[in-house]
Amino acid sequence: MSNGVWSANIDQEVAFWEGVIRRVAADGSGADGPLVQNYSWLRSVLDPAPAEDETLRLLDVGSGPFSTLGQIKPGDRVEIVRTDALGDVYNRLLDKHGLAGFPHVQATKGEDLSHEFGREAFHFVNCANALDHFEEPARSFLEMLRVCKPGGIVRIISIEDEGEREAYAGLHQWNLQASDDGLWLWNRETRTNLISLCHPAVAYDWRYVDHGQTGFNIFEATVRK
């Protein structure tokens, strides 16, 4: 997607999310901020395992105003960093509509992660329903791998082939599709297997997390670095 296409659709994306923020504020469902989540499972699946006293660092890329990673209990040795290219805009909208209980979002593009955080900075990198909206999805995917620690996990959650489903309107200029052969980024002009861009030693897996129950398929793809 060219810079012009991405920037031309920012206002539409912001208007969508302001509508969501208004609804959350009006029905009171977000009064206390995001739900607390337990990430103790992560220590057991990282290889090598982190030290007992090591703080787990989690990164949510393209989080929007409402990160799916939730928040942590006080005292847990977990840090969550939430990033989005439109982070500053979302922060202002959350404050404007009385949702200051939600953690603020750092304004960082997916294409700039290693410049912002350095390499091998996070144990777990999450990107939920966002990668296909990015200006340069393939570059952003590689940036997620760069900021992930050795032995860490990059997780991509996406609606399958959303560009086709949305008729390539707005920021929906790309499709993502997972199969046993790889994680495919494509549109009507090009098709790339993102896993083929990785180091051969990475371990790739995928599964459907919602196979048509909501009218479209949602998958989860994981890369163990």
C-alpha atoms as a PDB file:
ATOM      1  CA  MET A   1       0.000   0.000   0.000  1.00  0.00           C
ATOM      2  CA  SER A   2       1.457   3.356  -0.918  1.00  0.00           C
ATOM      3  CA  ASN A   3       1.879   6.139   1.602  1.00  0.00           C
ATOM      4  CA  GLY A   4      -0.906   8.017  -0.141  1.00  0.00           C
ATOM      5  CA  VAL A   5      -3.429   5.186   0.200  1.00  0.00           C
ATOM      6  CA  TRP A   6      -2.625   4.618   3.875  1.00  0.00           C
ATOM      7  CA  SER A   7      -2.641   8.294   4.871  1.00  0.00           C
ATOM      8  CA  ALA A   8      -5.782   8.998   2.843  1.00  0.00           C
ATOM      9  CA  ASN A   9      -7.745   6.508   4.936  1.00  0.00           C
ATOM     10  CA  ILE A  10      -6.566   7.512   8.417  1.00  0.00           C
ATOM     11  CA  ASP A  11      -9.574   9.773   9.036  1.00  0.00           C
ATOM     12  CA  GLN A  12     -11.932   6.905   8.232  1.00  0.00           C
ATOM     13  CA  GLU A  13     -10.098   4.601  10.645  1.00  0.00           C
ATOM     14  CA  VAL A  14     -10.142   7.205  13.414  1.00  0.00           C
ATOM     15  CA  ALA A  15     -13.864   7.846  12.872  1.00  0.00           C
ATOM     16  CA  PHE A  16     -14.570   4.116  13.195  1.00  0.00           C
ATOM     17  CA  TRP A  17     -12.689   3.837  16.466  1.00  0.00           C
ATOM     18  CA  GLU A  18     -14.182   7.002  17.898  1.00  0.00           C
ATOM     19  CA  GLY A  19     -17.586   5.425  17.325  1.00  0.00           C
ATOM     20  CA  VAL A  20     -16.475   2.320  19.219  1.00  0.00           C
ATOM     21  CA  ILE A  21     -15.033   4.438  22.040  1.00  0.00           C
ATOM     22  CA  ARG A  22     -18.289   6.394  22.297  1.00  0.00           C
ATOM     23  CA  ARG A  23     -20.293   3.162  22.606  1.00  0.00           C
ATOM     24  CA  VAL A  24     -17.985   1.722  25.255  1.00  0.00           C
ATOM     25  CA  ALA A  25     -18.175   4.962  27.218  1.00  0.00           C
ATOM     26  CA  ALA A  26     -21.968   5.170  26.889  1.00  0.00           C
ATOM     27  CA  ASP A  27     -22.734   1.640  28.091  1.00  0.00           C
ATOM     28  CA  GLY A  28     -20.210   1.778  30.927  1.00  0.00           C
ATOM     29  CA  SER A  29     -18.550  -1.504  29.972  1.00  0.00           C
ATOM     30  CA  GLY A  30     -15.099   0.046  30.019  1.00  0.00           C
ATOM     31  CA  ALA A  31     -15.402   2.055  33.209  1.00  0.00           C
ATOM     32  CA  ASP A  32     -12.712   0.032  34.979  1.00  0.00           C
ATOM     33  CA  GLY A  33     -10.412  -0.362  32.013  1.00  0.00           C
ATOM     34  CA  PRO A  34      -9.411  -3.659  30.375  1.00  0.00           C
ATOM     35  CA  LEU A  35      -9.786  -7.013  32.083  1.00  0.00           C
ATOM     36  CA  VAL A  36      -6.880  -8.331  34.139  1.00  0.00           C
ATOM     37  CA  GLN A  37      -5.169 -11.274  32.445  1.00  0.00           C
ATOM     38  CA  ASN A  38      -2.825 -13.910  33.806  1.00  0.00           C
ATOM     39  CA  TYR A  39       0.369 -14.503  31.840  1.00  0.00           C
ATOM     40  CA  SER A  40       1.892 -17.185  34.055  1.00  0.00           C
ATOM     41  CA  TRP A  41       1.476 -19.644  31.149  1.00  0.00           C
ATOM     42  CA  LEU A  42       4.031 -17.708  29.141  1.00  0.00           C
ATOM     43  CA  ARG A  43       6.908 -18.568  31.476  1.00  0.00           C
ATOM     44  CA  SER A  44       6.256 -22.273  30.933  1.00  0.00           C
ATOM     45  CA  VAL A  45       6.384 -22.126  27.119  1.00  0.00           C
ATOM     46  CA  LEU A  46       9.383 -19.851  26.559  1.00  0.00           C
ATOM     47  CA  ASP A  47      12.592 -21.661  25.629  1.00  0.00           C
ATOM     48  CA  PRO A  48      14.966 -20.892  27.196  1.00  0.00           C
ATOM     49  CA  ALA A  49      12.846 -20.271  30.269  1.00  0.00           C
ATOM     50  CA  PRO A  50      13.301 -16.820  31.817  1.00  0.00           C
ATOM     51  CA  ALA A  51      14.777 -16.461  35.284  1.00  0.00           C
ATOM     52  CA  GLU A  52      12.296 -16.543  38.165  1.00  0.00           C
ATOM     53  CA  ASP A  53      12.833 -12.863  38.920  1.00  0.00           C
ATOM     54  CA  GLU A  54      12.917 -11.730  35.282  1.00  0.00           C
ATOM     55  CA  THR A  55      10.110  -9.417  34.167  1.00  0.00           C
ATOM     56  CA  LEU A  56       8.287 -10.711  31.107  1.00  0.00           C
ATOM     57  CA  ARG A  57       8.005  -8.026  28.431  1.00  0.00           C
ATOM     58  CA  LEU A  58       4.992  -8.168  26.111  1.00  0.00           C
ATOM     59  CA  LEU A  59       4.456  -5.992  23.045  1.00  0.00           C
ATOM     60  CA  ASP A  60       1.082  -5.403  21.374  1.00  0.00           C
ATOM     61  CA  VAL A  61       1.584  -4.083  17.831  1.00  0.00           C
ATOM     62  CA  GLY A  62      -1.260  -2.179  16.182  1.00  0.00           C
ATOM     63  CA  SER A  63      -3.246  -2.419  19.385  1.00  0.00           C
ATOM     64  CA  GLY A  64      -5.794   0.288  18.546  1.00  0.00           C
ATOM     65  CA  PRO A  65      -7.312   2.008  21.580  1.00  0.00           C
ATOM     66  CA  PHE A  66      -8.312  -1.305  23.219  1.00  0.00           C
ATOM     67  CA  SER A  67      -5.439  -3.765  23.443  1.00  0.00           C
ATOM     68  CA  THR A  68      -6.444  -7.426  23.514  1.00  0.00           C
ATOM     69  CA  LEU A  69      -3.632  -8.120  25.993  1.00  0.00           C
ATOM     70  CA  GLY A  70      -5.651  -6.572  28.817  1.00  0.00           C
ATOM     71  CA  GLN A  71      -3.809  -5.466  31.912  1.00  0.00           C
ATOM     72  CA  ILE A  72      -1.816  -7.173  34.646  1.00  0.00           C
ATOM     73  CA  LYS A  73      -2.314  -7.555  38.365  1.00  0.00           C
ATOM     74  CA  PRO A  74      -0.205  -5.253  40.516  1.00  0.00           C
ATOM     75  CA  GLY A  75       2.893  -7.120  41.584  1.00  0.00           C
ATOM     76  CA  ASP A  76       3.027  -9.467  38.586  1.00  0.00           C
ATOM     77  CA  ARG A  77       6.440  -9.532  36.914  1.00  0.00           C
ATOM     78  CA  VAL A  78       4.967  -8.598  33.548  1.00  0.00           C
ATOM     79  CA  GLU A  79       5.244  -5.419  31.488  1.00  0.00           C
ATOM     80  CA  ILE A  80       2.915  -4.721  28.559  1.00  0.00           C
ATOM     81  CA  VAL A  81       3.814  -2.133  25.923  1.00  0.00           C
ATOM     82  CA  ARG A  82       0.996  -1.156  23.556  1.00  0.00           C
ATOM     83  CA  THR A  83       1.808   0.481  20.231  1.00  0.00           C
ATOM     84  CA  ASP A  84      -0.139   1.829  17.283  1.00  0.00           C
ATOM     85  CA  ALA A  85       0.690   4.267  14.495  1.00  0.00           C
ATOM     86  CA  LEU A  86      -2.346   6.297  15.644  1.00  0.00           C
ATOM     87  CA  GLY A  87      -1.579   5.960  19.352  1.00  0.00           C
ATOM     88  CA  ASP A  88      -1.605   9.687  20.103  1.00  0.00           C
ATOM     89  CA  VAL A  89      -5.022  10.068  18.464  1.00  0.00           C
ATOM     90  CA  TYR A  90      -6.488   7.150  20.404  1.00  0.00           C
ATOM     91  CA  ASN A  91      -5.107   8.449  23.689  1.00  0.00           C
ATOM     92  CA  ARG A  92      -6.832  11.790  23.145  1.00  0.00           C
ATOM     93  CA  LEU A  93     -10.114  10.072  22.295  1.00  0.00           C
ATOM     94  CA  LEU A  94      -9.966   7.810  25.363  1.00  0.00           C
ATOM     95  CA  ASP A  95      -9.383  10.817  27.599  1.00  0.00           C
ATOM     96  CA  LYS A  96     -12.039  12.862  25.820  1.00  0.00           C
ATOM     97  CA  HIS A  97     -14.714  10.217  26.405  1.00  0.00           C
ATOM     98  CA  GLY A  98     -13.813   9.465  30.012  1.00  0.00           C
ATOM     99  CA  LEU A  99     -11.972   6.176  29.480  1.00  0.00           C
ATOM    100  CA  ALA A 100      -8.718   7.169  31.148  1.00  0.00           C
ATOM    101  CA  GLY A 101      -8.706   3.748  32.891  1.00  0.00           C
ATOM    102  CA  PHE A 102      -7.419   2.214  29.682  1.00  0.00           C
ATOM    103  CA  PRO A 103      -3.627   2.209  29.341  1.00  0.00           C
ATOM    104  CA  HIS A 104      -2.299   4.738  26.894  1.00  0.00           C
ATOM    105  CA  VAL A 105      -0.889   3.591  23.569  1.00  0.00           C
ATOM    106  CA  GLN A 106       2.599   4.485  22.364  1.00  0.00           C
ATOM    107  CA  ALA A 107       2.560   6.084  18.910  1.00  0.00           C
ATOM    108  CA  THR A 108       4.918   3.731  17.031  1.00  0.00           C
ATOM    109  CA  LYS A 109       4.393   2.235  13.590  1.00  0.00           C
ATOM    110  CA  GLY A 110       4.882  -1.478  13.057  1.00  0.00           C
ATOM    111  CA  GLU A 111       7.520  -0.653  10.468  1.00  0.00           C
ATOM    112  CA  ASP A 112       9.639   1.150  13.101  1.00  0.00           C
ATOM    113  CA  LEU A 113       9.679  -1.294  16.030  1.00  0.00           C
ATOM    114  CA  SER A 114      13.386  -2.114  16.168  1.00  0.00           C
ATOM    115  CA  HIS A 115      14.289   1.551  15.737  1.00  0.00           C
ATOM    116  CA  GLU A 116      12.109   2.376  18.738  1.00  0.00           C
ATOM    117  CA  PHE A 117      12.869  -0.564  21.032  1.00  0.00           C
ATOM    118  CA  GLY A 118      16.054  -2.164  19.752  1.00  0.00           C
ATOM    119  CA  ARG A 119      16.460  -5.831  18.896  1.00  0.00           C
ATOM    120  CA  GLU A 120      15.453  -8.756  21.135  1.00  0.00           C
ATOM    121  CA  ALA A 121      13.519  -6.598  23.584  1.00  0.00           C
ATOM    122  CA  PHE A 122      10.327  -8.644  24.175  1.00  0.00           C
ATOM    123  CA  HIS A 123       9.453 -12.192  25.184  1.00  0.00           C
ATOM    124  CA  PHE A 124       6.067 -12.098  23.432  1.00  0.00           C
ATOM    125  CA  VAL A 125       4.944  -9.980  20.466  1.00  0.00           C
ATOM    126  CA  ASN A 126       1.240  -9.859  19.659  1.00  0.00           C
ATOM    127  CA  CYS A 127      -0.566  -8.438  16.636  1.00  0.00           C
ATOM    128  CA  ALA A 128      -4.341  -8.954  16.587  1.00  0.00           C
ATOM    129  CA  ASN A 129      -6.454  -7.990  13.568  1.00  0.00           C
ATOM    130  CA  ALA A 130      -3.957  -5.337  12.530  1.00  0.00           C
ATOM    131  CA  LEU A 131      -1.117  -6.604  10.322  1.00  0.00           C
ATOM    132  CA  ASP A 132      -3.167  -6.507   7.116  1.00  0.00           C
ATOM    133  CA  HIS A 133      -3.995  -2.831   7.821  1.00  0.00           C
ATOM    134  CA  PHE A 134      -0.371  -1.716   8.007  1.00  0.00           C
ATOM    135  CA  GLU A 135       1.360   0.419   5.423  1.00  0.00           C
ATOM    136  CA  GLU A 136       4.041  -2.243   4.846  1.00  0.00           C
ATOM    137  CA  PRO A 137       2.852  -5.520   6.409  1.00  0.00           C
ATOM    138  CA  ALA A 138       5.821  -7.677   5.371  1.00  0.00           C
ATOM    139  CA  ARG A 139       8.314  -5.179   6.775  1.00  0.00           C
ATOM    140  CA  SER A 140       6.284  -4.901   9.983  1.00  0.00           C
ATOM    141  CA  PHE A 141       6.231  -8.693  10.377  1.00  0.00           C
ATOM    142  CA  LEU A 142      10.020  -8.808  10.127  1.00  0.00           C
ATOM    143  CA  GLU A 143      10.244  -5.965  12.649  1.00  0.00           C
ATOM    144  CA  MET A 144       8.186  -8.034  15.096  1.00  0.00           C
ATOM    145  CA  LEU A 145      10.699 -10.847  14.739  1.00  0.00           C
ATOM    146  CA  ARG A 146      13.597  -8.440  15.259  1.00  0.00           C
ATOM    147  CA  VAL A 147      12.263  -7.125  18.572  1.00  0.00           C
ATOM    148  CA  CYS A 148      11.393 -10.636  19.823  1.00  0.00           C
ATOM    149  CA  LYS A 149      13.930 -12.328  22.084  1.00  0.00           C
ATOM    150  CA  PRO A 150      15.479 -15.664  21.070  1.00  0.00           C
ATOM    151  CA  GLY A 151      13.096 -18.347  22.289  1.00  0.00           C
ATOM    152  CA  GLY A 152      10.219 -15.869  22.326  1.00  0.00           C
ATOM    153  CA  ILE A 153       6.927 -15.938  20.435  1.00  0.00           C
ATOM    154  CA  VAL A 154       5.378 -13.745  17.764  1.00  0.00           C
ATOM    155  CA  ARG A 155       1.612 -14.242  17.510  1.00  0.00           C
ATOM    156  CA  ILE A 156      -0.538 -13.019  14.613  1.00  0.00           C
ATOM    157  CA  ILE A 157      -4.332 -13.152  14.929  1.00  0.00           C
ATOM    158  CA  SER A 158      -6.300 -12.139  11.861  1.00  0.00           C
ATOM    159  CA  ILE A 159      -9.542 -12.375   9.980  1.00  0.00           C
ATOM    160  CA  GLU A 160      -8.859 -14.513   6.938  1.00  0.00           C
ATOM    161  CA  ASP A 161      -8.722 -12.627   3.610  1.00  0.00           C
ATOM    162  CA  GLU A 162     -10.229  -9.428   5.002  1.00  0.00           C
ATOM    163  CA  GLY A 163      -9.173  -7.337   2.008  1.00  0.00           C
ATOM    164  CA  GLU A 164     -11.343  -9.454  -0.270  1.00  0.00           C
ATOM    165  CA  ARG A 165     -14.175  -9.470   2.264  1.00  0.00           C
ATOM    166  CA  GLU A 166     -14.087  -5.669   2.529  1.00  0.00           C
ATOM    167  CA  ALA A 167     -13.641  -5.144  -1.238  1.00  0.00           C
ATOM    168  CA  TYR A 168     -10.304  -3.392  -0.561  1.00  0.00           C
ATOM    169  CA  ALA A 169     -11.989  -0.397   1.043  1.00  0.00           C
ATOM    170  CA  GLY A 170     -10.174   1.914   3.464  1.00  0.00           C
ATOM    171  CA  LEU A 171      -7.149   0.329   5.130  1.00  0.00           C
ATOM    172  CA  HIS A 172      -8.187  -3.160   3.949  1.00  0.00           C
ATOM    173  CA  GLN A 173      -5.638  -3.316   1.146  1.00  0.00           C
ATOM    174  CA  TRP A 174      -4.160  -6.726   2.048  1.00  0.00           C
ATOM    175  CA  ASN A 175      -5.247 -10.265   2.864  1.00  0.00           C
ATOM    176  CA  LEU A 176      -3.740 -12.709   5.334  1.00  0.00           C
ATOM    177  CA  GLN A 177      -4.218 -16.442   5.069  1.00  0.00           C
ATOM    178  CA  ALA A 178      -2.592 -19.225   7.088  1.00  0.00           C
ATOM    179  CA  SER A 179      -1.936 -22.779   5.927  1.00  0.00           C
ATOM    180  CA  ASP A 180       0.446 -25.599   6.758  1.00  0.00           C
ATOM    181  CA  ASP A 181       2.735 -24.184   4.074  1.00  0.00           C
ATOM    182  CA  GLY A 182       3.019 -20.717   5.585  1.00  0.00           C
ATOM    183  CA  LEU A 183       1.475 -17.356   6.423  1.00  0.00           C
ATOM    184  CA  TRP A 184       0.400 -15.696   3.200  1.00  0.00           C
ATOM    185  CA  LEU A 185       0.180 -11.962   2.611  1.00  0.00           C
ATOM    186  CA  TRP A 186      -1.533 -11.186  -0.661  1.00  0.00           C
ATOM    187  CA  ASN A 187      -3.702  -8.908  -2.746  1.00  0.00           C
ATOM    188  CA  ARG A 188      -4.691  -8.974  -6.397  1.00  0.00           C
ATOM    189  CA  GLU A 189      -1.195  -7.927  -7.476  1.00  0.00           C
ATOM    190  CA  THR A 190       1.214  -9.918  -5.318  1.00  0.00           C
ATOM    191  CA  ARG A 191       1.492 -12.892  -2.931  1.00  0.00           C
ATOM    192  CA  THR A 192       4.221 -13.492  -0.321  1.00  0.00           C
ATOM    193  CA  ASN A 193       4.776 -16.284   2.184  1.00  0.00           C
ATOM    194  CA  LEU A 194       5.912 -14.361   5.274  1.00  0.00           C
ATOM    195  CA  ILE A 195       7.370 -17.508   6.816  1.00  0.00           C
ATOM    196  CA  SER A 196       9.748 -17.817   3.858  1.00  0.00           C
ATOM    197  CA  LEU A 197      11.258 -14.498   4.991  1.00  0.00           C
ATOM    198  CA  CYS A 198      12.148 -15.921   8.429  1.00  0.00           C
ATOM    199  CA  HIS A 199      15.321 -17.647   9.551  1.00  0.00           C
ATOM    200  CA  PRO A 200      15.017 -21.399   8.791  1.00  0.00           C
ATOM    201  CA  ALA A 201      15.293 -22.223  12.506  1.00  0.00           C
ATOM    202  CA  VAL A 202      11.979 -20.602  13.482  1.00  0.00           C
ATOM    203  CA  ALA A 203       9.054 -22.870  14.342  1.00  0.00           C
ATOM    204  CA  TYR A 204       5.734 -21.986  12.718  1.00  0.00           C
ATOM    205  CA  ASP A 205       2.261 -23.188  13.648  1.00  0.00           C
ATOM    206  CA  TRP A 206      -1.313 -22.040  13.080  1.00  0.00           C
ATOM    207  CA  ARG A 207      -4.931 -22.869  13.914  1.00  0.00           C
ATOM    208  CA  TYR A 208      -8.403 -21.504  13.407  1.00  0.00           C
ATOM    209  CA  VAL A 209      -9.752 -19.829  16.527  1.00  0.00           C
ATOM    210  CA  ASP A 210     -13.132 -19.077  14.963  1.00  0.00           C
ATOM    211  CA  HIS A 211     -13.978 -21.121  11.879  1.00  0.00           C
ATOM    212  CA  GLY A 212     -16.996 -19.379  10.432  1.00  0.00           C
ATOM    213  CA  GLN A 213     -19.161 -19.011  13.539  1.00  0.00           C
ATOM    214  CA  THR A 214     -19.282 -15.244  13.050  1.00  0.00           C
ATOM    215  CA  GLY A 215     -19.563 -15.364   9.272  1.00  0.00           C
ATOM    216  CA  PHE A 216     -15.814 -15.259   8.615  1.00  0.00           C
ATOM    217  CA  ASN A 217     -12.745 -17.233   9.657  1.00  0.00           C
ATOM    218  CA  ILE A 218     -10.269 -16.026  12.264  1.00  0.00           C
ATOM    219  CA  PHE A 219      -6.882 -17.707  12.625  1.00  0.00           C
ATOM    220  CA  GLU A 220      -3.924 -17.576  14.980  1.00  0.00           C
ATOM    221  CA  ALA A 221      -0.409 -18.030  13.626  1.00  0.00           C
ATOM    222  CA  THR A 222       2.622 -18.329  15.906  1.00  0.00           C
ATOM    223  CA  VAL A 223       6.320 -18.091  15.176  1.00  0.00           C
ATOM    224  CA  ARG A 224       8.734 -19.321  17.825  1.00  0.00           C
ATOM    225  CA  LYS A 225      12.038 -17.551  17.272  1.00  0.00           C
END
